[in-house]
N, C-alpha and C. Protein backbone atom coordinates (compact mmCIF):
# COMPACT_ATOMS: atom_id res chain seq x y z
N MET A 1 98.07 88.52 80.63
CA MET A 1 98.92 88.64 82.34
C MET A 1 100.44 89.41 82.46
N ARG A 2 101.08 90.19 82.60
CA ARG A 2 102.14 90.98 82.68
C ARG A 2 103.30 90.19 83.40
N ARG A 3 102.78 89.57 84.64
CA ARG A 3 103.67 88.92 85.01
C ARG A 3 103.99 87.29 85.13
N LYS A 4 104.12 86.92 84.09
CA LYS A 4 104.22 85.68 83.77
C LYS A 4 104.92 84.43 84.96
N ASP A 5 105.78 84.77 85.58
CA ASP A 5 105.91 83.67 86.56
C ASP A 5 104.69 83.61 87.68
N LYS A 6 103.93 84.25 87.41
CA LYS A 6 102.64 84.67 88.59
C LYS A 6 101.57 83.73 87.89
N ALA A 7 101.57 83.42 86.54
CA ALA A 7 100.70 82.76 86.04
C ALA A 7 100.70 81.27 86.54
N VAL A 8 98.85 81.01 86.40
CA VAL A 8 98.82 79.82 86.98
C VAL A 8 98.36 78.73 85.34
N PRO A 9 99.55 77.22 85.57
CA PRO A 9 99.90 76.81 84.84
C PRO A 9 98.40 75.81 84.31
N GLY A 10 97.79 76.79 83.29
CA GLY A 10 96.79 75.20 82.62
C GLY A 10 95.50 75.67 83.48
N THR A 11 94.61 75.37 82.42
CA THR A 11 92.99 74.96 82.45
C THR A 11 92.60 74.28 84.12
N LYS A 12 93.08 72.92 83.79
CA LYS A 12 93.45 71.99 85.24
C LYS A 12 93.96 72.68 86.83
N ALA A 13 94.70 73.69 86.50
CA ALA A 13 95.00 74.59 88.09
C ALA A 13 94.27 75.68 87.72
N ILE A 14 94.04 76.69 87.01
CA ILE A 14 92.83 77.39 87.22
C ILE A 14 91.26 77.20 87.81
N GLU A 15 91.04 75.67 87.14
CA GLU A 15 90.26 75.12 87.58
C GLU A 15 89.60 74.65 88.99
N GLU A 16 91.06 74.45 89.45
CA GLU A 16 91.36 73.94 91.28
C GLU A 16 90.65 75.03 92.35
N ILE A 17 91.17 76.17 91.40
CA ILE A 17 91.14 77.39 92.22
C ILE A 17 89.65 77.70 92.48
N ILE A 18 89.28 77.42 91.64
CA ILE A 18 87.56 77.47 91.22
C ILE A 18 86.86 76.70 92.05
N ARG A 19 87.45 75.40 91.78
CA ARG A 19 86.67 74.64 92.97
C ARG A 19 86.63 74.99 94.23
N ARG A 20 87.57 75.53 94.76
CA ARG A 20 88.18 75.91 96.40
C ARG A 20 87.17 77.00 96.51
N ALA A 21 87.22 78.06 95.50
CA ALA A 21 86.99 78.96 96.20
C ALA A 21 84.92 78.93 97.04
N THR A 22 85.20 79.97 97.42
CA THR A 22 83.10 80.03 98.28
C THR A 22 82.50 81.32 97.67
N ILE A 23 83.37 82.13 97.02
CA ILE A 23 82.52 83.43 96.27
C ILE A 23 83.54 83.80 94.86
N CYS A 24 82.20 83.93 94.60
CA CYS A 24 82.62 85.08 92.91
C CYS A 24 82.52 86.81 93.23
N ARG A 25 82.79 87.15 92.52
CA ARG A 25 82.90 88.46 92.49
C ARG A 25 82.12 88.58 91.06
N LEU A 26 81.15 88.89 90.98
CA LEU A 26 80.42 89.38 89.11
C LEU A 26 80.62 90.44 89.02
N ALA A 27 81.38 91.55 88.01
CA ALA A 27 81.36 92.44 87.68
C ALA A 27 80.39 92.57 86.50
N LEU A 28 79.55 93.54 86.52
CA LEU A 28 78.94 94.39 86.01
C LEU A 28 79.16 95.65 85.52
N CYS A 29 77.93 95.98 83.58
CA CYS A 29 78.31 97.46 84.12
C CYS A 29 77.19 98.28 83.22
N GLU A 30 76.94 99.16 84.76
CA GLU A 30 75.63 99.90 84.43
C GLU A 30 75.88 101.20 83.85
N GLY A 31 75.85 101.44 82.40
CA GLY A 31 76.15 102.64 81.87
C GLY A 31 77.60 102.65 81.91
N ASP A 32 78.25 103.88 82.73
CA ASP A 32 79.78 104.04 82.79
C ASP A 32 80.01 103.53 83.82
N ARG A 33 78.48 102.90 84.67
CA ARG A 33 79.60 103.05 86.02
C ARG A 33 79.92 101.02 86.45
N PRO A 34 80.78 100.73 86.89
CA PRO A 34 81.12 99.15 87.36
C PRO A 34 80.15 99.06 88.45
N TYR A 35 79.79 97.89 88.65
CA TYR A 35 78.82 97.36 89.73
C TYR A 35 79.33 96.07 89.57
N ILE A 36 79.96 95.41 90.94
CA ILE A 36 80.32 94.67 91.57
C ILE A 36 79.52 93.71 92.81
N ILE A 37 79.56 92.52 92.98
CA ILE A 37 78.66 91.81 93.61
C ILE A 37 79.11 90.74 94.75
N PRO A 38 79.39 90.06 95.39
CA PRO A 38 79.45 88.55 95.78
C PRO A 38 78.59 87.81 95.75
N LEU A 39 79.08 86.77 95.18
CA LEU A 39 77.67 85.72 95.04
C LEU A 39 78.63 84.52 95.04
N CYS A 40 77.14 83.56 95.77
CA CYS A 40 77.54 82.20 95.98
C CYS A 40 77.06 81.75 94.30
N PHE A 41 78.03 80.36 93.99
CA PHE A 41 78.35 80.15 92.73
C PHE A 41 78.10 79.17 92.65
N GLY A 42 78.07 78.19 91.09
CA GLY A 42 78.40 77.20 90.70
C GLY A 42 79.18 77.22 89.67
N TYR A 43 80.37 75.90 89.06
CA TYR A 43 80.84 75.98 88.09
C TYR A 43 80.71 74.66 86.99
N GLU A 44 80.90 74.18 85.91
CA GLU A 44 81.25 72.95 85.13
C GLU A 44 81.22 72.96 84.16
N ASP A 45 82.07 72.46 83.24
CA ASP A 45 82.16 72.68 81.90
C ASP A 45 82.25 74.25 80.76
N GLY A 46 83.50 75.12 81.74
CA GLY A 46 83.47 76.42 81.41
C GLY A 46 82.24 77.32 81.36
N LYS A 47 81.01 77.39 82.01
CA LYS A 47 79.94 78.00 82.76
C LYS A 47 80.19 77.82 84.56
N LEU A 48 80.14 79.20 84.30
CA LEU A 48 79.49 79.63 85.74
C LEU A 48 77.41 80.13 86.01
N TYR A 49 77.27 79.29 87.31
CA TYR A 49 76.07 79.64 87.29
C TYR A 49 76.00 79.86 88.73
N PHE A 50 74.77 81.33 88.94
CA PHE A 50 74.07 82.16 89.75
C PHE A 50 72.74 82.07 89.70
N HIS A 51 72.26 81.88 91.63
CA HIS A 51 71.33 82.19 91.44
C HIS A 51 70.65 83.36 92.04
N SER A 52 69.49 83.73 91.82
CA SER A 52 69.46 85.51 92.72
C SER A 52 67.34 85.37 92.34
N ALA A 53 66.63 86.51 93.68
CA ALA A 53 65.77 86.57 93.20
C ALA A 53 65.23 87.10 92.18
N SER A 54 63.63 86.95 91.98
CA SER A 54 63.46 87.36 90.48
C SER A 54 63.46 89.01 90.34
N ARG A 55 63.91 90.09 90.93
CA ARG A 55 64.26 91.27 90.80
C ARG A 55 65.13 91.34 91.53
N GLY A 56 65.77 92.53 90.84
CA GLY A 56 66.81 93.20 91.21
C GLY A 56 67.92 94.25 90.27
N ARG A 57 68.83 94.67 91.31
CA ARG A 57 69.70 95.62 89.97
C ARG A 57 70.70 95.35 89.27
N LYS A 58 71.15 93.68 89.74
CA LYS A 58 72.33 92.88 88.82
C LYS A 58 71.53 92.37 87.23
N LEU A 59 69.84 91.80 87.92
CA LEU A 59 69.13 91.40 86.77
C LEU A 59 68.57 92.69 85.29
N LYS A 60 68.48 93.76 86.48
CA LYS A 60 67.96 95.07 85.04
C LYS A 60 69.67 95.70 84.69
N ILE A 61 70.26 95.26 85.10
CA ILE A 61 72.02 95.80 84.84
C ILE A 61 72.38 94.69 83.66
N LEU A 62 71.66 93.32 83.65
CA LEU A 62 72.28 92.00 82.50
C LEU A 62 71.28 92.37 81.51
N GLU A 63 70.25 92.70 81.14
CA GLU A 63 69.19 92.73 80.68
C GLU A 63 69.54 94.28 79.80
N ASN A 64 70.28 94.73 80.19
CA ASN A 64 71.12 95.64 79.10
C ASN A 64 72.68 95.30 78.75
N ASN A 65 73.27 94.90 78.90
CA ASN A 65 74.46 94.34 78.77
C ASN A 65 75.12 92.87 79.41
N ARG A 66 74.62 92.25 78.69
CA ARG A 66 75.41 90.55 79.16
C ARG A 66 77.09 90.39 79.33
N ASN A 67 77.68 91.07 78.96
CA ASN A 67 79.17 90.92 79.49
C ASN A 67 79.39 91.02 80.61
N VAL A 68 80.12 90.87 81.33
CA VAL A 68 80.51 90.37 82.50
C VAL A 68 82.33 90.07 82.68
N CYS A 69 82.72 90.39 83.97
CA CYS A 69 83.88 89.89 84.28
C CYS A 69 83.85 89.36 85.91
N PHE A 70 84.60 88.18 86.15
CA PHE A 70 84.63 87.77 87.56
C PHE A 70 85.59 87.21 88.43
N GLU A 71 85.59 87.36 89.49
CA GLU A 71 86.81 87.20 90.09
C GLU A 71 87.11 86.00 90.94
N MET A 72 87.49 85.55 91.46
CA MET A 72 87.74 84.46 93.13
C MET A 72 88.99 84.43 93.53
N ASP A 73 88.87 84.25 94.42
CA ASP A 73 90.62 83.88 95.15
C ASP A 73 90.24 83.11 96.22
N ILE A 74 91.38 81.71 96.56
CA ILE A 74 91.70 81.89 97.69
C ILE A 74 92.71 81.89 98.66
N ASP A 75 93.47 80.96 99.28
CA ASP A 75 94.62 80.88 100.31
C ASP A 75 94.94 82.74 100.71
N GLN A 76 94.62 83.63 100.66
CA GLN A 76 94.88 84.74 101.07
C GLN A 76 95.20 85.10 102.69
N GLU A 77 96.25 85.37 102.53
CA GLU A 77 97.53 85.83 103.57
C GLU A 77 98.30 86.91 103.75
N LEU A 78 98.37 87.88 104.34
CA LEU A 78 98.81 89.19 104.07
C LEU A 78 100.63 88.65 104.80
N VAL A 79 101.42 88.86 104.52
CA VAL A 79 102.35 88.62 104.42
C VAL A 79 103.10 90.33 104.97
N PHE A 80 104.39 90.58 106.31
CA PHE A 80 104.21 91.58 106.89
C PHE A 80 105.45 91.70 106.51
N GLY A 81 106.08 92.85 105.99
CA GLY A 81 108.06 93.40 105.38
C GLY A 81 107.92 94.43 106.43
N GLU A 82 109.38 94.71 106.49
CA GLU A 82 109.81 95.62 107.12
C GLU A 82 109.59 96.93 107.79
N ALA A 83 108.48 97.33 106.58
CA ALA A 83 107.44 98.86 106.45
C ALA A 83 106.56 98.13 105.77
N PRO A 84 105.52 98.85 105.93
CA PRO A 84 104.44 98.77 105.31
C PRO A 84 104.14 98.87 103.93
N CYS A 85 105.29 99.74 103.73
CA CYS A 85 105.34 99.85 102.21
C CYS A 85 105.97 98.69 101.30
N LYS A 86 106.47 97.52 102.25
CA LYS A 86 107.07 96.03 101.69
C LYS A 86 106.37 94.81 102.26
N TRP A 87 105.06 95.06 103.05
CA TRP A 87 103.99 94.24 102.99
C TRP A 87 103.41 93.72 101.78
N GLY A 88 102.83 92.79 101.88
CA GLY A 88 102.15 91.59 100.41
C GLY A 88 101.50 90.67 100.88
N PHE A 89 100.54 90.33 99.76
CA PHE A 89 99.88 89.24 100.07
C PHE A 89 99.91 88.44 99.36
N ARG A 90 100.03 87.13 99.92
CA ARG A 90 99.53 85.62 98.72
C ARG A 90 98.33 85.18 98.65
N TYR A 91 98.33 84.47 97.63
CA TYR A 91 96.92 84.29 97.25
C TYR A 91 97.07 83.59 96.28
N ARG A 92 95.95 83.13 95.40
CA ARG A 92 95.50 82.62 94.42
C ARG A 92 94.53 82.62 93.71
N SER A 93 94.18 83.49 92.81
CA SER A 93 93.31 84.16 92.22
C SER A 93 93.01 83.50 90.39
N VAL A 94 91.62 83.69 90.64
CA VAL A 94 90.82 83.76 88.59
C VAL A 94 90.56 85.00 88.21
N VAL A 95 90.62 85.26 87.16
CA VAL A 95 89.84 86.48 86.46
C VAL A 95 89.50 85.76 85.32
N GLY A 96 87.92 86.36 85.07
CA GLY A 96 87.22 85.76 83.46
C GLY A 96 86.71 86.92 83.02
N PHE A 97 86.47 86.45 81.66
CA PHE A 97 85.23 87.21 81.05
C PHE A 97 84.31 86.09 80.52
N GLY A 98 82.95 87.25 80.60
CA GLY A 98 81.93 86.01 79.91
C GLY A 98 80.48 86.88 79.40
N ARG A 99 80.10 85.92 79.17
CA ARG A 99 78.44 86.41 78.72
C ARG A 99 77.46 85.70 79.40
N ALA A 100 76.38 86.93 80.20
CA ALA A 100 75.56 86.43 80.64
C ALA A 100 74.03 85.93 79.92
N SER A 101 73.44 84.83 80.97
CA SER A 101 72.24 84.62 79.80
C SER A 101 71.10 84.37 81.35
N PHE A 102 70.27 84.06 80.86
CA PHE A 102 69.31 83.59 81.98
C PHE A 102 68.72 82.31 81.46
N ILE A 103 69.04 81.18 82.30
CA ILE A 103 67.86 80.31 82.10
C ILE A 103 66.67 80.40 82.38
N ARG A 104 65.85 79.85 81.63
CA ARG A 104 64.19 79.53 81.88
C ARG A 104 63.76 78.42 82.31
N GLU A 105 64.10 77.21 81.26
CA GLU A 105 63.61 76.16 81.11
C GLU A 105 63.72 75.45 82.52
N PRO A 106 62.46 75.09 83.23
CA PRO A 106 62.50 74.59 84.82
C PRO A 106 63.52 73.30 84.72
N GLU A 107 63.87 72.18 83.82
CA GLU A 107 64.63 71.26 84.30
C GLU A 107 66.00 72.00 84.23
N SER A 108 66.60 73.02 83.45
CA SER A 108 67.50 73.31 83.17
C SER A 108 68.14 73.84 84.17
N LYS A 109 67.20 74.52 84.96
CA LYS A 109 67.21 75.58 86.31
C LYS A 109 67.65 74.76 87.20
N ARG A 110 66.44 73.68 86.92
CA ARG A 110 66.80 72.82 88.51
C ARG A 110 68.15 72.20 88.32
N GLU A 111 68.98 72.18 86.90
CA GLU A 111 69.95 71.00 87.41
C GLU A 111 70.95 72.73 87.69
N ALA A 112 71.00 73.55 87.30
CA ALA A 112 72.14 74.46 87.62
C ALA A 112 71.81 74.82 88.56
N LEU A 113 71.07 74.54 89.45
CA LEU A 113 70.91 74.70 91.16
C LEU A 113 71.55 73.44 91.40
N ARG A 114 71.55 72.49 91.11
CA ARG A 114 72.28 71.20 91.81
C ARG A 114 73.75 71.61 91.33
N ILE A 115 74.33 72.55 90.48
CA ILE A 115 75.68 72.83 90.55
C ILE A 115 76.25 73.57 91.00
N ILE A 116 75.16 74.53 91.72
CA ILE A 116 75.57 75.71 92.68
C ILE A 116 75.79 74.95 93.88
N THR A 117 74.84 74.46 94.49
CA THR A 117 74.88 73.17 95.57
C THR A 117 76.28 72.85 95.79
N ARG A 118 75.95 71.87 94.82
CA ARG A 118 77.72 71.00 94.81
C ARG A 118 78.99 71.41 95.51
N ASN A 119 78.67 73.19 94.48
CA ASN A 119 79.89 73.54 95.18
C ASN A 119 79.99 73.83 96.90
N TYR A 120 79.73 73.73 97.82
CA TYR A 120 79.08 73.66 98.94
C TYR A 120 78.97 72.81 99.78
N ALA A 121 78.61 71.51 99.30
CA ALA A 121 78.20 70.49 99.89
C ALA A 121 77.67 69.38 99.18
N GLU A 122 78.21 68.33 100.07
CA GLU A 122 78.13 66.94 98.86
C GLU A 122 76.91 66.61 99.58
N GLY A 123 76.16 65.87 98.09
CA GLY A 123 75.10 65.00 98.10
C GLY A 123 73.94 65.13 97.30
N VAL A 124 73.00 64.92 96.99
CA VAL A 124 72.02 64.64 95.77
C VAL A 124 70.68 66.01 96.38
N PHE A 125 70.90 67.00 95.68
CA PHE A 125 69.73 67.93 96.08
C PHE A 125 67.79 68.05 95.15
N ASP A 126 67.41 68.53 95.41
CA ASP A 126 66.62 68.54 94.81
C ASP A 126 65.52 69.78 95.09
N PHE A 127 64.56 70.45 94.29
CA PHE A 127 64.25 71.86 94.66
C PHE A 127 62.34 71.72 94.30
N THR A 128 61.86 71.80 95.06
CA THR A 128 60.38 72.14 94.32
C THR A 128 60.16 72.98 92.88
N GLU A 129 59.16 72.45 92.78
CA GLU A 129 58.50 73.64 91.04
C GLU A 129 58.53 74.90 91.78
N SER A 130 58.09 75.58 92.65
CA SER A 130 57.66 76.69 93.07
C SER A 130 58.98 77.13 93.94
N GLN A 131 60.20 76.34 94.55
CA GLN A 131 61.51 77.21 94.14
C GLN A 131 62.22 77.00 93.08
N VAL A 132 62.14 76.33 91.89
CA VAL A 132 62.94 76.69 90.84
C VAL A 132 61.86 77.86 90.17
N ALA A 133 60.43 77.92 90.10
CA ALA A 133 59.60 78.84 89.69
C ALA A 133 60.17 80.61 90.03
N GLU A 134 60.19 80.52 91.32
CA GLU A 134 60.51 81.56 91.89
C GLU A 134 62.12 81.97 92.16
N THR A 135 63.02 81.58 91.47
CA THR A 135 64.47 81.53 91.35
C THR A 135 65.09 82.00 89.65
N THR A 136 65.53 82.99 90.17
CA THR A 136 66.49 83.46 88.77
C THR A 136 67.75 82.76 88.48
N VAL A 137 67.88 82.23 87.77
CA VAL A 137 69.72 81.88 87.49
C VAL A 137 69.96 81.39 85.93
N ILE A 138 71.21 82.09 86.67
CA ILE A 138 72.30 83.26 85.56
C ILE A 138 73.12 81.90 85.57
N ARG A 139 73.15 81.87 83.46
CA ARG A 139 74.48 81.13 83.41
C ARG A 139 75.43 81.99 82.57
N VAL A 140 76.75 81.99 83.31
CA VAL A 140 77.90 83.10 82.49
C VAL A 140 78.86 81.77 81.61
N ASP A 141 78.75 82.59 80.16
CA ASP A 141 80.04 81.27 79.39
C ASP A 141 80.91 82.10 79.13
N VAL A 142 81.61 80.93 79.92
CA VAL A 142 83.73 81.39 80.49
C VAL A 142 84.12 82.25 78.66
N GLU A 143 84.45 82.65 78.35
CA GLU A 143 85.20 83.55 77.22
C GLU A 143 86.74 83.04 76.88
N ASP A 144 86.87 83.66 78.55
CA ASP A 144 88.53 83.19 78.53
C ASP A 144 88.76 83.40 80.25
N MET A 145 89.93 82.91 80.69
CA MET A 145 90.24 83.61 82.25
C MET A 145 91.33 83.08 82.28
N THR A 146 92.26 83.96 82.79
CA THR A 146 93.91 83.82 83.66
C THR A 146 93.75 83.26 85.06
N GLY A 147 94.89 82.42 85.96
CA GLY A 147 94.88 82.03 87.43
C GLY A 147 95.96 83.31 87.74
N LYS A 148 96.43 83.11 89.11
CA LYS A 148 97.54 84.19 89.38
C LYS A 148 98.14 83.31 90.45
N ILE A 149 99.18 83.06 90.74
CA ILE A 149 99.47 82.88 92.32
C ILE A 149 100.66 83.54 92.56
N SER A 150 100.19 84.16 94.03
CA SER A 150 101.54 85.18 94.46
C SER A 150 101.57 84.95 95.68
N GLY A 151 103.24 84.45 96.06
CA GLY A 151 103.56 84.23 97.46
C GLY A 151 103.77 83.02 97.58
N TYR A 152 103.07 81.79 96.61
CA TYR A 152 103.13 80.48 97.07
C TYR A 152 104.81 79.97 96.18
């Protein structure tokens, strides 16, 4: 990170931003073209989890290239200045890189779905066999991530 003064200090502080985020933008690469999608997600022990339908563009891309980049942000606020060129944003963000894989074993998929739902609601959730079978679950092993704070 170029601006060390804006770096989030330490893994715990980075993980707090992740815990407060509601959307994770997952960036993939299809040939020489980037593809980015906003997704619901869960995070636990250095791994991101996403759910998906059984078919679609992101799955086709991941079959050919499992390297991903991700971004999430919180506390976004436009800050007006004297002129538009002096405007800015306040935010807290995380950007990272990892490698995606598909979870295929039903009980592992079920646990990943629980991790995702815990990001949005408290409680214990269960999923039927057919829900688990019909859902594709993607795990991203986080290799590197940094956090940034601007304006706070």
